[in-house]
Amino acid sequence: MDDHASYAETVKQYENWELDDILHHVDRSKFSERYQIVVDEIARRVEEQKTQ
């Protein structure tokens, strides 16, 4: 993953992935903040879809 990719791009890249896939593919030590943001954003989108 590109160190300079924006959070929005990162989230977009992973938004269609299952959370388990993200957990296995994102380097937590290198991208710990981004990892958490991605997981939080995907969780938010899942909740958003449930209410629609």
Protein backbone atom coordinates (compact mmCIF):
# COMPACT_ATOMS: atom_id res chain seq x y z
CA MET A 1 0.00 0.00 0.00
CA ASP A 2 1.20 3.49 -0.80
CA ASP A 3 2.26 5.44 2.28
CA HIS A 4 0.88 8.58 0.68
CA ALA A 5 -2.55 7.24 -0.24
CA SER A 6 -5.23 9.33 1.40
CA TYR A 7 -7.52 7.79 3.97
CA ALA A 8 -10.42 8.24 1.57
CA GLU A 9 -8.59 6.31 -1.13
CA THR A 10 -7.65 3.64 1.38
CA VAL A 11 -11.23 3.29 2.58
CA LYS A 12 -12.49 3.17 -1.00
CA GLN A 13 -9.97 0.46 -1.81
CA TYR A 14 -11.22 -1.73 1.02
CA GLU A 15 -14.90 -0.85 1.19
CA ASN A 16 -15.96 -3.93 -0.76
CA TRP A 17 -13.69 -6.28 1.14
CA GLU A 18 -14.80 -8.44 4.02
CA LEU A 19 -13.41 -7.25 7.34
CA ASP A 20 -11.48 -10.51 7.74
CA ASP A 21 -9.70 -9.84 4.45
CA ILE A 22 -8.73 -6.37 5.60
CA LEU A 23 -7.47 -7.69 8.90
CA HIS A 24 -5.19 -10.07 7.02
CA HIS A 25 -3.99 -7.72 4.28
CA VAL A 26 -3.35 -4.42 6.03
CA ASP A 27 0.00 -4.17 7.79
CA ARG A 28 -1.16 -3.18 11.26
CA SER A 29 2.24 -2.12 12.53
CA LYS A 30 2.90 0.12 9.55
CA PHE A 31 -0.61 1.46 9.05
CA SER A 32 -2.13 1.18 12.50
CA GLU A 33 -3.99 4.50 12.34
CA ARG A 34 -5.18 3.90 8.81
CA TYR A 35 -6.13 0.33 9.70
CA GLN A 36 -8.38 1.57 12.48
CA ILE A 37 -9.89 4.30 10.30
CA VAL A 38 -10.63 1.79 7.54
CA VAL A 39 -12.23 -0.68 9.94
CA ASP A 40 -14.27 2.08 11.59
CA GLU A 41 -15.38 3.50 8.26
CA ILE A 42 -16.44 0.12 6.91
CA ALA A 43 -18.34 -0.63 10.11
CA ARG A 44 -20.08 2.74 9.76
CA ARG A 45 -21.03 2.00 6.15
CA VAL A 46 -22.38 -1.40 7.11
CA GLU A 47 -24.59 0.21 9.76
CA GLU A 48 -25.65 2.87 7.26
CA GLN A 49 -26.72 0.21 4.76
CA LYS A 50 -28.74 -1.63 7.41
CA THR A 51 -30.84 1.48 8.03
CA GLN A 52 -31.62 2.10 4.37
